[in-house]
Amino acid sequence: MLMLHTLYTHNRSLGAHNRQLGQATAEYALVIVGAATIAGLVLAWAAGTGKISRLLNAVLDSVIGKVG
């Protein structure tokens, strides 16, 4: 948040074009934060259901079956 605040206050003193660039940077940062939040929720759900461990076990069993 400090970075977004710094970008916002710094860009207020620049021209209109530079403010738009700063706004785009802030929007990209918000999209990244949103995507990370959704990914975290999906991982928390998957870990709670045990699906990740079943997936990894299936992959390892498949690899071991092909090697052995």
PDB file of N, CA and C in Angstrom:
ATOM      1  N   MET A   1       0.819  -1.187   0.000  1.00  0.00           N
ATOM      2  CA  MET A   1       0.000   0.000   0.000  1.00  0.00           C
ATOM      3  C   MET A   1       0.865   1.254   0.000  1.00  0.00           C
ATOM      4  N   LEU A   2       1.987   1.186   0.694  1.00  0.00           N
ATOM      5  CA  LEU A   2       2.862   2.356   0.741  1.00  0.00           C
ATOM      6  C   LEU A   2       3.352   2.704  -0.660  1.00  0.00           C
ATOM      7  N   MET A   3       3.658   1.665  -1.453  1.00  0.00           N
ATOM      8  CA  MET A   3       4.120   1.916  -2.811  1.00  0.00           C
ATOM      9  C   MET A   3       3.021   2.610  -3.631  1.00  0.00           C
ATOM     10  N   LEU A   4       1.783   2.140  -3.491  1.00  0.00           N
ATOM     11  CA  LEU A   4       0.687   2.770  -4.232  1.00  0.00           C
ATOM     12  C   LEU A   4       0.484   4.211  -3.787  1.00  0.00           C
ATOM     13  N   HIS A   5       0.580   4.455  -2.483  1.00  0.00           N
ATOM     14  CA  HIS A   5       0.433   5.817  -1.976  1.00  0.00           C
ATOM     15  C   HIS A   5       1.555   6.706  -2.498  1.00  0.00           C
ATOM     16  N   THR A   6       2.777   6.180  -2.513  1.00  0.00           N
ATOM     17  CA  THR A   6       3.915   6.948  -3.015  1.00  0.00           C
ATOM     18  C   THR A   6       3.732   7.274  -4.486  1.00  0.00           C
ATOM     19  N   LEU A   7       3.299   6.271  -5.270  1.00  0.00           N
ATOM     20  CA  LEU A   7       3.054   6.526  -6.695  1.00  0.00           C
ATOM     21  C   LEU A   7       1.981   7.591  -6.884  1.00  0.00           C
ATOM     22  N   TYR A   8       0.933   7.508  -6.086  1.00  0.00           N
ATOM     23  CA  TYR A   8      -0.166   8.456  -6.216  1.00  0.00           C
ATOM     24  C   TYR A   8       0.280   9.872  -5.879  1.00  0.00           C
ATOM     25  N   THR A   9       0.967  10.049  -4.764  1.00  0.00           N
ATOM     26  CA  THR A   9       1.363  11.404  -4.366  1.00  0.00           C
ATOM     27  C   THR A   9       2.430  11.969  -5.298  1.00  0.00           C
ATOM     28  N   HIS A  10       3.327  11.112  -5.776  1.00  0.00           N
ATOM     29  CA  HIS A  10       4.372  11.583  -6.684  1.00  0.00           C
ATOM     30  C   HIS A  10       3.759  12.016  -8.017  1.00  0.00           C
ATOM     31  N   ASN A  11       2.816  11.230  -8.515  1.00  0.00           N
ATOM     32  CA  ASN A  11       2.230  11.522  -9.820  1.00  0.00           C
ATOM     33  C   ASN A  11       1.288  12.707  -9.803  1.00  0.00           C
ATOM     34  N   ARG A  12       0.812  13.094  -8.650  1.00  0.00           N
ATOM     35  CA  ARG A  12      -0.055  14.275  -8.589  1.00  0.00           C
ATOM     36  C   ARG A  12       0.695  15.534  -8.991  1.00  0.00           C
ATOM     37  N   SER A  13       2.022  15.540  -8.775  1.00  0.00           N
ATOM     38  CA  SER A  13       2.802  16.725  -9.096  1.00  0.00           C
ATOM     39  C   SER A  13       3.267  16.747 -10.554  1.00  0.00           C
ATOM     40  N   LEU A  14       3.019  15.675 -11.305  1.00  0.00           N
ATOM     41  CA  LEU A  14       3.450  15.597 -12.701  1.00  0.00           C
ATOM     42  C   LEU A  14       2.333  16.042 -13.632  1.00  0.00           C
ATOM     43  N   GLY A  15       2.616  16.070 -14.929  1.00  0.00           N
ATOM     44  CA  GLY A  15       1.620  16.461 -15.922  1.00  0.00           C
ATOM     45  C   GLY A  15       0.541  15.403 -16.092  1.00  0.00           C
ATOM     46  N   ALA A  16      -0.479  15.722 -16.901  1.00  0.00           N
ATOM     47  CA  ALA A  16      -1.623  14.817 -17.081  1.00  0.00           C
ATOM     48  C   ALA A  16      -1.200  13.486 -17.692  1.00  0.00           C
ATOM     49  N   HIS A  17      -0.289  13.507 -18.645  1.00  0.00           N
ATOM     50  CA  HIS A  17       0.161  12.265 -19.283  1.00  0.00           C
ATOM     51  C   HIS A  17       0.845  11.365 -18.269  1.00  0.00           C
ATOM     52  N   ASN A  18       1.711  11.935 -17.480  1.00  0.00           N
ATOM     53  CA  ASN A  18       2.426  11.143 -16.480  1.00  0.00           C
ATOM     54  C   ASN A  18       1.472  10.626 -15.406  1.00  0.00           C
ATOM     55  N   ARG A  19       0.440  11.383 -15.084  1.00  0.00           N
ATOM     56  CA  ARG A  19      -0.546  10.897 -14.107  1.00  0.00           C
ATOM     57  C   ARG A  19      -1.268   9.675 -14.634  1.00  0.00           C
ATOM     58  N   GLN A  20      -1.556   9.672 -15.930  1.00  0.00           N
ATOM     59  CA  GLN A  20      -2.227   8.513 -16.516  1.00  0.00           C
ATOM     60  C   GLN A  20      -1.334   7.284 -16.471  1.00  0.00           C
ATOM     61  N   LEU A  21      -0.040   7.473 -16.677  1.00  0.00           N
ATOM     62  CA  LEU A  21       0.893   6.344 -16.574  1.00  0.00           C
ATOM     63  C   LEU A  21       0.919   5.809 -15.151  1.00  0.00           C
ATOM     64  N   GLY A  22       0.907   6.693 -14.188  1.00  0.00           N
ATOM     65  CA  GLY A  22       0.893   6.271 -12.794  1.00  0.00           C
ATOM     66  C   GLY A  22      -0.389   5.548 -12.443  1.00  0.00           C
ATOM     67  N   GLN A  23      -1.495   6.008 -13.008  1.00  0.00           N
ATOM     68  CA  GLN A  23      -2.776   5.355 -12.757  1.00  0.00           C
ATOM     69  C   GLN A  23      -2.753   3.943 -13.338  1.00  0.00           C
ATOM     70  N   ALA A  24      -2.175   3.769 -14.513  1.00  0.00           N
ATOM     71  CA  ALA A  24      -2.080   2.442 -15.122  1.00  0.00           C
ATOM     72  C   ALA A  24      -1.223   1.525 -14.256  1.00  0.00           C
ATOM     73  N   THR A  25      -0.142   2.052 -13.708  1.00  0.00           N
ATOM     74  CA  THR A  25       0.718   1.263 -12.835  1.00  0.00           C
ATOM     75  C   THR A  25      -0.047   0.819 -11.597  1.00  0.00           C
ATOM     76  N   ALA A  26      -0.810   1.705 -11.016  1.00  0.00           N
ATOM     77  CA  ALA A  26      -1.607   1.358  -9.836  1.00  0.00           C
ATOM     78  C   ALA A  26      -2.666   0.319 -10.187  1.00  0.00           C
ATOM     79  N   GLU A  27      -3.267   0.438 -11.364  1.00  0.00           N
ATOM     80  CA  GLU A  27      -4.271  -0.543 -11.775  1.00  0.00           C
ATOM     81  C   GLU A  27      -3.636  -1.915 -11.965  1.00  0.00           C
ATOM     82  N   TYR A  28      -2.451  -1.965 -12.558  1.00  0.00           N
ATOM     83  CA  TYR A  28      -1.760  -3.247 -12.701  1.00  0.00           C
ATOM     84  C   TYR A  28      -1.464  -3.849 -11.336  1.00  0.00           C
ATOM     85  N   ALA A  29      -1.038  -3.033 -10.401  1.00  0.00           N
ATOM     86  CA  ALA A  29      -0.740  -3.520  -9.055  1.00  0.00           C
ATOM     87  C   ALA A  29      -2.001  -4.087  -8.404  1.00  0.00           C
ATOM     88  N   LEU A  30      -3.129  -3.427  -8.571  1.00  0.00           N
ATOM     89  CA  LEU A  30      -4.376  -3.928  -7.999  1.00  0.00           C
ATOM     90  C   LEU A  30      -4.807  -5.238  -8.654  1.00  0.00           C
ATOM     91  N   VAL A  31      -4.592  -5.371  -9.952  1.00  0.00           N
ATOM     92  CA  VAL A  31      -4.927  -6.623 -10.642  1.00  0.00           C
ATOM     93  C   VAL A  31      -4.058  -7.755 -10.113  1.00  0.00           C
ATOM     94  N   ILE A  32      -2.781  -7.490  -9.901  1.00  0.00           N
ATOM     95  CA  ILE A  32      -1.872  -8.513  -9.376  1.00  0.00           C
ATOM     96  C   ILE A  32      -2.285  -8.926  -7.971  1.00  0.00           C
ATOM     97  N   VAL A  33      -2.643  -7.955  -7.133  1.00  0.00           N
ATOM     98  CA  VAL A  33      -3.095  -8.267  -5.772  1.00  0.00           C
ATOM     99  C   VAL A  33      -4.370  -9.104  -5.826  1.00  0.00           C
ATOM    100  N   GLY A  34      -5.290  -8.758  -6.704  1.00  0.00           N
ATOM    101  CA  GLY A  34      -6.524  -9.523  -6.843  1.00  0.00           C
ATOM    102  C   GLY A  34      -6.269 -10.949  -7.312  1.00  0.00           C
ATOM    103  N   ALA A  35      -5.392 -11.106  -8.283  1.00  0.00           N
ATOM    104  CA  ALA A  35      -5.068 -12.446  -8.789  1.00  0.00           C
ATOM    105  C   ALA A  35      -4.391 -13.289  -7.715  1.00  0.00           C
ATOM    106  N   ALA A  36      -3.502 -12.673  -6.947  1.00  0.00           N
ATOM    107  CA  ALA A  36      -2.835 -13.404  -5.863  1.00  0.00           C
ATOM    108  C   ALA A  36      -3.831 -13.820  -4.793  1.00  0.00           C
ATOM    109  N   THR A  37      -4.804 -12.975  -4.503  1.00  0.00           N
ATOM    110  CA  THR A  37      -5.829 -13.308  -3.519  1.00  0.00           C
ATOM    111  C   THR A  37      -6.667 -14.491  -3.986  1.00  0.00           C
ATOM    112  N   ILE A  38      -7.086 -14.471  -5.239  1.00  0.00           N
ATOM    113  CA  ILE A  38      -7.874 -15.576  -5.776  1.00  0.00           C
ATOM    114  C   ILE A  38      -7.059 -16.869  -5.775  1.00  0.00           C
ATOM    115  N   ALA A  39      -5.796 -16.787  -6.175  1.00  0.00           N
ATOM    116  CA  ALA A  39      -4.941 -17.979  -6.167  1.00  0.00           C
ATOM    117  C   ALA A  39      -4.780 -18.524  -4.751  1.00  0.00           C
ATOM    118  N   GLY A  40      -4.615 -17.634  -3.782  1.00  0.00           N
ATOM    119  CA  GLY A  40      -4.499 -18.066  -2.390  1.00  0.00           C
ATOM    120  C   GLY A  40      -5.753 -18.752  -1.895  1.00  0.00           C
ATOM    121  N   LEU A  41      -6.918 -18.225  -2.262  1.00  0.00           N
ATOM    122  CA  LEU A  41      -8.177 -18.851  -1.867  1.00  0.00           C
ATOM    123  C   LEU A  41      -8.338 -20.231  -2.502  1.00  0.00           C
ATOM    124  N   VAL A  42      -7.974 -20.357  -3.764  1.00  0.00           N
ATOM    125  CA  VAL A  42      -8.076 -21.653  -4.444  1.00  0.00           C
ATOM    126  C   VAL A  42      -7.129 -22.662  -3.802  1.00  0.00           C
ATOM    127  N   LEU A  43      -5.905 -22.229  -3.499  1.00  0.00           N
ATOM    128  CA  LEU A  43      -4.951 -23.138  -2.862  1.00  0.00           C
ATOM    129  C   LEU A  43      -5.411 -23.546  -1.464  1.00  0.00           C
ATOM    130  N   ALA A  44      -5.965 -22.604  -0.715  1.00  0.00           N
ATOM    131  CA  ALA A  44      -6.463 -22.935   0.621  1.00  0.00           C
ATOM    132  C   ALA A  44      -7.610 -23.934   0.532  1.00  0.00           C
ATOM    133  N   TRP A  45      -8.504 -23.752  -0.434  1.00  0.00           N
ATOM    134  CA  TRP A  45      -9.604 -24.691  -0.625  1.00  0.00           C
ATOM    135  C   TRP A  45      -9.072 -26.071  -1.007  1.00  0.00           C
ATOM    136  N   ALA A  46      -8.156 -26.093  -1.964  1.00  0.00           N
ATOM    137  CA  ALA A  46      -7.630 -27.372  -2.445  1.00  0.00           C
ATOM    138  C   ALA A  46      -6.864 -28.101  -1.350  1.00  0.00           C
ATOM    139  N   ALA A  47      -6.128 -27.370  -0.540  1.00  0.00           N
ATOM    140  CA  ALA A  47      -5.382 -27.998   0.558  1.00  0.00           C
ATOM    141  C   ALA A  47      -6.336 -28.545   1.607  1.00  0.00           C
ATOM    142  N   GLY A  48      -7.433 -27.853   1.846  1.00  0.00           N
ATOM    143  CA  GLY A  48      -8.408 -28.299   2.837  1.00  0.00           C
ATOM    144  C   GLY A  48      -9.165 -29.547   2.407  1.00  0.00           C
ATOM    145  N   THR A  49      -9.320 -29.750   1.106  1.00  0.00           N
ATOM    146  CA  THR A  49     -10.066 -30.911   0.617  1.00  0.00           C
ATOM    147  C   THR A  49      -9.171 -32.121   0.406  1.00  0.00           C
ATOM    148  N   GLY A  50      -7.867 -31.936   0.454  1.00  0.00           N
ATOM    149  CA  GLY A  50      -6.946 -33.050   0.247  1.00  0.00           C
ATOM    150  C   GLY A  50      -6.705 -33.363  -1.216  1.00  0.00           C
ATOM    151  N   LYS A  51      -7.223 -32.538  -2.109  1.00  0.00           N
ATOM    152  CA  LYS A  51      -7.078 -32.801  -3.540  1.00  0.00           C
ATOM    153  C   LYS A  51      -5.628 -32.666  -4.008  1.00  0.00           C
ATOM    154  N   ILE A  52      -4.874 -31.759  -3.394  1.00  0.00           N
ATOM    155  CA  ILE A  52      -3.482 -31.578  -3.810  1.00  0.00           C
ATOM    156  C   ILE A  52      -2.669 -32.822  -3.492  1.00  0.00           C
ATOM    157  N   SER A  53      -2.828 -33.367  -2.297  1.00  0.00           N
ATOM    158  CA  SER A  53      -2.061 -34.561  -1.935  1.00  0.00           C
ATOM    159  C   SER A  53      -2.468 -35.749  -2.807  1.00  0.00           C
ATOM    160  N   ARG A  54      -3.770 -35.871  -3.135  1.00  0.00           N
ATOM    161  CA  ARG A  54      -4.192 -36.959  -4.025  1.00  0.00           C
ATOM    162  C   ARG A  54      -3.612 -36.782  -5.423  1.00  0.00           C
ATOM    163  N   LEU A  55      -3.576 -35.539  -5.902  1.00  0.00           N
ATOM    164  CA  LEU A  55      -3.001 -35.273  -7.220  1.00  0.00           C
ATOM    165  C   LEU A  55      -1.516 -35.624  -7.241  1.00  0.00           C
ATOM    166  N   LEU A  56      -0.784 -35.171  -6.228  1.00  0.00           N
ATOM    167  CA  LEU A  56       0.655 -35.468  -6.180  1.00  0.00           C
ATOM    168  C   LEU A  56       0.909 -36.966  -6.054  1.00  0.00           C
ATOM    169  N   ASN A  57       0.102 -37.653  -5.258  1.00  0.00           N
ATOM    170  CA  ASN A  57       0.256 -39.109  -5.138  1.00  0.00           C
ATOM    171  C   ASN A  57       0.002 -39.795  -6.476  1.00  0.00           C
ATOM    172  N   ALA A  58      -1.004 -39.356  -7.207  1.00  0.00           N
ATOM    173  CA  ALA A  58      -1.305 -39.949  -8.514  1.00  0.00           C
ATOM    174  C   ALA A  58      -0.165 -39.698  -9.497  1.00  0.00           C
ATOM    175  N   VAL A  59       0.378 -38.496  -9.493  1.00  0.00           N
ATOM    176  CA  VAL A  59       1.488 -38.174 -10.395  1.00  0.00           C
ATOM    177  C   VAL A  59       2.710 -39.013 -10.044  1.00  0.00           C
ATOM    178  N   LEU A  60       3.051 -39.084  -8.762  1.00  0.00           N
ATOM    179  CA  LEU A  60       4.223 -39.868  -8.348  1.00  0.00           C
ATOM    180  C   LEU A  60       4.030 -41.353  -8.639  1.00  0.00           C
ATOM    181  N   ASP A  61       2.831 -41.885  -8.401  1.00  0.00           N
ATOM    182  CA  ASP A  61       2.568 -43.287  -8.714  1.00  0.00           C
ATOM    183  C   ASP A  61       2.720 -43.548 -10.207  1.00  0.00           C
ATOM    184  N   SER A  62       2.254 -42.621 -11.026  1.00  0.00           N
ATOM    185  CA  SER A  62       2.390 -42.761 -12.475  1.00  0.00           C
ATOM    186  C   SER A  62       3.852 -42.753 -12.910  1.00  0.00           C
ATOM    187  N   VAL A  63       4.610 -41.819 -12.354  1.00  0.00           N
ATOM    188  CA  VAL A  63       6.044 -41.729 -12.709  1.00  0.00           C
ATOM    189  C   VAL A  63       6.789 -42.976 -12.246  1.00  0.00           C
ATOM    190  N   ILE A  64       6.504 -43.431 -11.036  1.00  0.00           N
ATOM    191  CA  ILE A  64       7.173 -44.632 -10.527  1.00  0.00           C
ATOM    192  C   ILE A  64       6.789 -45.851 -11.356  1.00  0.00           C
ATOM    193  N   GLY A  65       5.531 -45.916 -11.781  1.00  0.00           N
ATOM    194  CA  GLY A  65       5.093 -47.031 -12.627  1.00  0.00           C
ATOM    195  C   GLY A  65       5.778 -47.052 -13.974  1.00  0.00           C
ATOM    196  N   LYS A  66       6.071 -45.892 -14.527  1.00  0.00           N
ATOM    197  CA  LYS A  66       6.735 -45.826 -15.826  1.00  0.00           C
ATOM    198  C   LYS A  66       8.228 -46.087 -15.705  1.00  0.00           C
ATOM    199  N   VAL A  67       8.828 -45.738 -14.564  1.00  0.00           N
ATOM    200  CA  VAL A  67      10.266 -45.940 -14.382  1.00  0.00           C
ATOM    201  C   VAL A  67      10.565 -47.407 -14.031  1.00  0.00           C
ATOM    202  N   GLY A  68       9.726 -47.956 -13.153  1.00  0.00           N
ATOM    203  CA  GLY A  68       9.983 -49.312 -12.634  1.00  0.00           C
ATOM    204  C   GLY A  68       9.470 -50.364 -13.476  1.00  0.00           C
TER     205      GLY A  68
END
